[in-house]
C-alpha atoms as a PDB file:
ATOM      1  CA  MET A   1      30.712   6.825 -39.272  1.00  0.00           C
ATOM      2  CA  THR A   2      28.630   9.578 -37.946  1.00  0.00           C
ATOM      3  CA  ASN A   3      24.490   9.976 -37.913  1.00  0.00           C
ATOM      4  CA  ALA A   4      24.321  12.825 -39.334  1.00  0.00           C
ATOM      5  CA  PRO A   5      21.808  11.367 -41.829  1.00  0.00           C
ATOM      6  CA  MET A   6      20.106   9.665 -39.460  1.00  0.00           C
ATOM      7  CA  LEU A   7      19.648  13.303 -37.280  1.00  0.00           C
ATOM      8  CA  ASN A   8      18.779  15.484 -40.240  1.00  0.00           C
ATOM      9  CA  GLY A   9      15.660  12.933 -41.008  1.00  0.00           C
ATOM     10  CA  ALA A  10      14.689  12.967 -37.256  1.00  0.00           C
ATOM     11  CA  LEU A  11      15.091  17.050 -36.938  1.00  0.00           C
ATOM     12  CA  HIS A  12      13.044  17.287 -40.043  1.00  0.00           C
ATOM     13  CA  VAL A  13      10.394  15.383 -38.581  1.00  0.00           C
ATOM     14  CA  LEU A  14       9.824  16.897 -35.601  1.00  0.00           C
ATOM     15  CA  GLU A  15      10.192  20.901 -37.688  1.00  0.00           C
ATOM     16  CA  ALA A  16       7.032  18.816 -39.375  1.00  0.00           C
ATOM     17  CA  VAL A  17       5.033  18.011 -36.500  1.00  0.00           C
ATOM     18  CA  LEU A  18       5.594  20.875 -34.434  1.00  0.00           C
ATOM     19  CA  ASP A  19       4.207  22.976 -37.833  1.00  0.00           C
ATOM     20  CA  VAL A  20       1.341  20.925 -37.686  1.00  0.00           C
ATOM     21  CA  ILE A  21       1.005  21.360 -33.643  1.00  0.00           C
ATOM     22  CA  ALA A  22       1.040  25.720 -34.807  1.00  0.00           C
ATOM     23  CA  GLN A  23      -1.527  25.372 -37.070  1.00  0.00           C
ATOM     24  CA  HIS A  24      -3.870  23.697 -35.277  1.00  0.00           C
ATOM     25  CA  PRO A  25      -3.467  23.370 -31.870  1.00  0.00           C
ATOM     26  CA  TRP A  26      -6.429  21.538 -31.338  1.00  0.00           C
ATOM     27  CA  VAL A  27      -5.162  18.193 -32.535  1.00  0.00           C
ATOM     28  CA  LEU A  28      -3.595  18.336 -29.297  1.00  0.00           C
ATOM     29  CA  VAL A  29      -6.695  17.539 -27.322  1.00  0.00           C
ATOM     30  CA  PRO A  30      -6.892  13.885 -27.408  1.00  0.00           C
ATOM     31  CA  VAL A  31      -3.057  13.454 -26.776  1.00  0.00           C
ATOM     32  CA  ALA A  32      -4.418  15.665 -23.390  1.00  0.00           C
ATOM     33  CA  ALA A  33      -7.361  13.788 -22.565  1.00  0.00           C
ATOM     34  CA  THR A  34      -5.463  10.462 -22.856  1.00  0.00           C
ATOM     35  CA  LEU A  35      -2.552  11.537 -20.829  1.00  0.00           C
ATOM     36  CA  PHE A  36      -5.032  12.916 -17.892  1.00  0.00           C
ATOM     37  CA  VAL A  37      -7.283   9.555 -17.877  1.00  0.00           C
ATOM     38  CA  CYS A  38      -4.055   8.408 -17.416  1.00  0.00           C
ATOM     39  CA  VAL A  39      -3.117   9.702 -14.597  1.00  0.00           C
ATOM     40  CA  LEU A  40      -6.362   9.799 -13.294  1.00  0.00           C
ATOM     41  CA  LEU A  41      -6.513   5.931 -13.200  1.00  0.00           C
ATOM     42  CA  ALA A  42      -2.867   4.983 -12.067  1.00  0.00           C
ATOM     43  CA  SER A  43      -2.608   4.007  -8.904  1.00  0.00           C
ATOM     44  CA  PRO A  44      -0.489   5.741  -6.280  1.00  0.00           C
ATOM     45  CA  ALA A  45       0.933   2.552  -5.308  1.00  0.00           C
ATOM     46  CA  GLY A  46       1.925   1.433  -8.431  1.00  0.00           C
ATOM     47  CA  GLY A  47      -1.110  -0.765  -9.224  1.00  0.00           C
ATOM     48  CA  ALA A  48      -0.484  -4.240  -8.357  1.00  0.00           C
ATOM     49  CA  CYS A  49       3.465  -3.905  -6.638  1.00  0.00           C
ATOM     50  CA  ASP A  50       5.822  -5.483  -4.408  1.00  0.00           C
ATOM     51  CA  ALA A  51       5.156  -1.805  -1.869  1.00  0.00           C
ATOM     52  CA  ARG A  52       1.420  -3.700  -0.847  1.00  0.00           C
ATOM     53  CA  ASP A  53       1.139  -5.454   1.946  1.00  0.00           C
ATOM     54  CA  PRO A  54       0.231  -8.868   0.940  1.00  0.00           C
ATOM     55  CA  ARG A  55      -2.096  -8.857   3.658  1.00  0.00           C
ATOM     56  CA  ARG A  56      -5.708  -6.885   2.848  1.00  0.00           C
ATOM     57  CA  GLY A  57      -7.460  -6.719   6.101  1.00  0.00           C
ATOM     58  CA  PHE A  58      -7.134  -6.629   9.787  1.00  0.00           C
ATOM     59  CA  THR A  59      -7.871 -10.172  11.631  1.00  0.00           C
ATOM     60  CA  VAL A  60     -10.686 -10.740  14.314  1.00  0.00           C
ATOM     61  CA  ALA A  61      -8.488 -10.788  17.132  1.00  0.00           C
ATOM     62  CA  GLU A  62      -6.324  -7.656  15.569  1.00  0.00           C
ATOM     63  CA  ARG A  63      -9.867  -5.257  15.054  1.00  0.00           C
ATOM     64  CA  ARG A  64     -10.692  -6.712  18.685  1.00  0.00           C
ATOM     65  CA  ALA A  65      -7.306  -5.239  20.044  1.00  0.00           C
ATOM     66  CA  ALA A  66      -8.167  -2.366  18.201  1.00  0.00           C
ATOM     67  CA  PHE A  67     -11.260  -2.118  19.198  1.00  0.00           C
ATOM     68  CA  GLU A  68      -9.959  -2.654  23.134  1.00  0.00           C
ATOM     69  CA  ARG A  69      -7.198  -0.547  22.759  1.00  0.00           C
ATOM     70  CA  ALA A  70      -9.500   2.254  21.532  1.00  0.00           C
ATOM     71  CA  GLY A  71     -11.760   2.194  24.967  1.00  0.00           C
ATOM     72  CA  LEU A  72     -14.676   0.766  22.788  1.00  0.00           C
ATOM     73  CA  ARG A  73     -15.094   4.017  21.477  1.00  0.00           C
ATOM     74  CA  CYS A  74     -14.559   5.623  17.303  1.00  0.00           C
ATOM     75  CA  GLU A  75     -11.131   7.310  17.606  1.00  0.00           C
ATOM     76  CA  HIS A  76     -12.225   9.840  14.807  1.00  0.00           C
ATOM     77  CA  LYS A  77     -13.209  13.297  16.423  1.00  0.00           C
ATOM     78  CA  SER A  78     -15.966  14.957  16.159  1.00  0.00           C
ATOM     79  CA  ILE A  79     -16.074  18.156  17.206  1.00  0.00           C
ATOM     80  CA  LEU A  80     -13.091  20.327  17.717  1.00  0.00           C
ATOM     81  CA  TRP A  81     -10.453  18.052  19.896  1.00  0.00           C
ATOM     82  CA  HIS A  82     -12.943  15.207  21.337  1.00  0.00           C
ATOM     83  CA  ARG A  83     -13.585  12.150  19.527  1.00  0.00           C
ATOM     84  CA  CYS A  84     -16.798  10.673  18.862  1.00  0.00           C
ATOM     85  CA  THR A  85     -19.015   8.520  20.948  1.00  0.00           C
ATOM     86  CA  ASN A  86     -20.006   5.848  18.885  1.00  0.00           C
ATOM     87  CA  THR A  87     -18.785   2.225  19.392  1.00  0.00           C
ATOM     88  CA  PRO A  88     -16.539   1.501  16.495  1.00  0.00           C
ATOM     89  CA  THR A  89     -17.295  -1.580  14.158  1.00  0.00           C
ATOM     90  CA  GLN A  90     -14.252  -1.178  11.683  1.00  0.00           C
ATOM     91  CA  GLY A  91     -10.785  -1.849  11.596  1.00  0.00           C
ATOM     92  CA  ASP A  92      -9.405   0.585   8.896  1.00  0.00           C
ATOM     93  CA  HIS A  93      -6.168   1.258   7.614  1.00  0.00           C
ATOM     94  CA  ILE A  94      -4.809   4.930   8.935  1.00  0.00           C
ATOM     95  CA  TYR A  95      -2.663   4.984   5.835  1.00  0.00           C
ATOM     96  CA  PRO A  96      -4.540   3.556   2.650  1.00  0.00           C
ATOM     97  CA  TRP A  97      -3.809   0.092   1.748  1.00  0.00           C
ATOM     98  CA  SER A  98      -4.478   0.760  -1.612  1.00  0.00           C
ATOM     99  CA  ARG A  99      -1.902   3.462  -1.492  1.00  0.00           C
ATOM    100  CA  GLY A 100       1.020   1.163   0.289  1.00  0.00           C
ATOM    101  CA  GLY A 101      -0.498   1.434   3.876  1.00  0.00           C
ATOM    102  CA  ARG A 102       0.338  -1.716   5.532  1.00  0.00           C
ATOM    103  CA  THR A 103      -1.717  -4.031   7.597  1.00  0.00           C
ATOM    104  CA  ALA A 104      -0.017  -3.761  10.839  1.00  0.00           C
ATOM    105  CA  MET A 105      -2.140  -2.570  14.783  1.00  0.00           C
ATOM    106  CA  SER A 106       0.618   1.012  14.132  1.00  0.00           C
ATOM    107  CA  ASN A 107      -1.225   1.301  10.723  1.00  0.00           C
ATOM    108  CA  GLN A 108      -5.056   0.226  12.454  1.00  0.00           C
ATOM    109  CA  GLN A 109      -7.529   3.013  14.173  1.00  0.00           C
ATOM    110  CA  ALA A 110     -11.513   1.857  15.279  1.00  0.00           C
ATOM    111  CA  LEU A 111     -14.274   3.576  13.472  1.00  0.00           C
ATOM    112  CA  CYS A 112     -17.551   3.682  13.426  1.00  0.00           C
ATOM    113  CA  PRO A 113     -19.357   2.524   9.979  1.00  0.00           C
ATOM    114  CA  PHE A 114     -19.987   6.398   9.489  1.00  0.00           C
ATOM    115  CA  HIS A 115     -16.645   7.791  10.070  1.00  0.00           C
ATOM    116  CA  ASN A 116     -14.773   4.883   7.882  1.00  0.00           C
ATOM    117  CA  SER A 117     -17.370   5.325   4.981  1.00  0.00           C
ATOM    118  CA  ARG A 118     -16.679   9.356   4.966  1.00  0.00           C
ATOM    119  CA  LYS A 119     -12.848   8.571   5.418  1.00  0.00           C
ATOM    120  CA  SER A 120     -12.805   6.230   2.264  1.00  0.00           C
ATOM    121  CA  GLY A 121      -9.020   5.328   0.964  1.00  0.00           C
ATOM    122  CA  SER A 122      -8.238   8.823   2.002  1.00  0.00           C
ATOM    123  CA  VAL A 123      -4.081   9.609   2.489  1.00  0.00           C
ATOM    124  CA  PRO A 124      -4.127  11.410   6.056  1.00  0.00           C
ATOM    125  CA  THR A 125      -2.404  15.011   6.448  1.00  0.00           C
ATOM    126  CA  ARG A 126       0.511  15.084   8.837  1.00  0.00           C
ATOM    127  CA  MET A 127      -1.547  17.176  11.261  1.00  0.00           C
ATOM    128  CA  TYR A 128      -4.476  14.399  10.934  1.00  0.00           C
ATOM    129  CA  ILE A 129      -1.875  11.720  12.015  1.00  0.00           C
ATOM    130  CA  LEU A 130      -0.112  13.995  14.459  1.00  0.00           C
ATOM    131  CA  ARG A 131      -3.566  14.964  16.153  1.00  0.00           C
ATOM    132  CA  LEU A 132      -4.859  11.416  16.341  1.00  0.00           C
ATOM    133  CA  GLN A 133      -1.723  10.181  17.588  1.00  0.00           C
ATOM    134  CA  TRP A 134      -1.953  13.165  20.563  1.00  0.00           C
ATOM    135  CA  ARG A 135      -5.220  11.734  21.309  1.00  0.00           C
ATOM    136  CA  ARG A 136      -4.351   8.222  21.883  1.00  0.00           C
ATOM    137  CA  ARG A 137      -1.902   9.198  24.482  1.00  0.00           C
ATOM    138  CA  ARG A 138      -5.014   9.774  26.131  1.00  0.00           C
ATOM    139  CA  TYR A 139      -6.717   6.478  26.768  1.00  0.00           C
ATOM    140  CA  PHE A 140      -3.770   4.379  24.813  1.00  0.00           C
ATOM    141  CA  PRO A 141      -3.035   1.532  27.985  1.00  0.00           C
ATOM    142  CA  GLU A 142       0.783   2.555  28.300  1.00  0.00           C
ATOM    143  CA  ASP A 143       2.161  -0.734  27.413  1.00  0.00           C
ATOM    144  CA  VAL A 144       1.004   0.713  23.511  1.00  0.00           C
ATOM    145  CA  SER A 145       2.664   2.991  21.529  1.00  0.00           C
ATOM    146  CA  PRO A 146       0.533   5.443  20.518  1.00  0.00           C
ATOM    147  CA  ARG A 147       2.591   5.911  16.601  1.00  0.00           C
ATOM    148  CA  VAL A 148       1.092   5.293  13.967  1.00  0.00           C
ATOM    149  CA  GLN A 149       3.661   3.027  11.159  1.00  0.00           C
ATOM    150  CA  TRP A 150       2.001   3.080   8.002  1.00  0.00           C
ATOM    151  CA  ARG A 151       4.680   1.210   6.338  1.00  0.00           C
ATOM    152  CA  PRO A 152       7.890  -1.061   7.553  1.00  0.00           C
ATOM    153  CA  GLY A 153      10.722   2.071   7.224  1.00  0.00           C
ATOM    154  CA  ALA A 154       8.385   4.814   7.014  1.00  0.00           C
ATOM    155  CA  ALA A 155       9.196   7.753   9.255  1.00  0.00           C
ATOM    156  CA  THR A 156       6.908   8.494  12.146  1.00  0.00           C
ATOM    157  CA  TRP A 157       5.977  12.191  13.113  1.00  0.00           C
ATOM    158  CA  SER A 158       5.905  13.904  15.599  1.00  0.00           C
ATOM    159  CA  ALA A 159       5.506  17.393  17.221  1.00  0.00           C
ATOM    160  CA  ASN A 160       9.370  18.001  16.816  1.00  0.00           C
ATOM    161  CA  ASP A 161       9.025  17.951  12.953  1.00  0.00           C
ATOM    162  CA  PHE A 162       6.848  21.325  12.872  1.00  0.00           C
ATOM    163  CA  SER A 163       9.323  23.033  15.361  1.00  0.00           C
END
């Protein structure tokens, strides 16, 4: 038994649709707009998925430890290679929780309110993370790793990645 009649019917329907689009291309505008809105509103982490850390916020003890390991200064760079001189009051996910970043000390930075609101939910570049890790080597306690690990099993970046 062959599916030739069904295939011919599908080809005729496809031909008719393409004919309408060729004669009236404006018909694609609502389709393109709908697709654009769907892509724009889609969560990069896939919405409510298993990739997100179930715990959203850092505990008071974790924030306090992050502030102390940062020397009670905001970790964001302000001018050139110098750090902001403000006192940190907020523990920020380096790689945002909303994008699949985990709630762990290795993915936390101590920020002042200005820099935390400015960074918001933006995903850091490799260069941002490399510069942060480089700065952290100067002020982190020696027994604490300056590496950023934003999710379990995710590779952390080092200067060797760019050579």
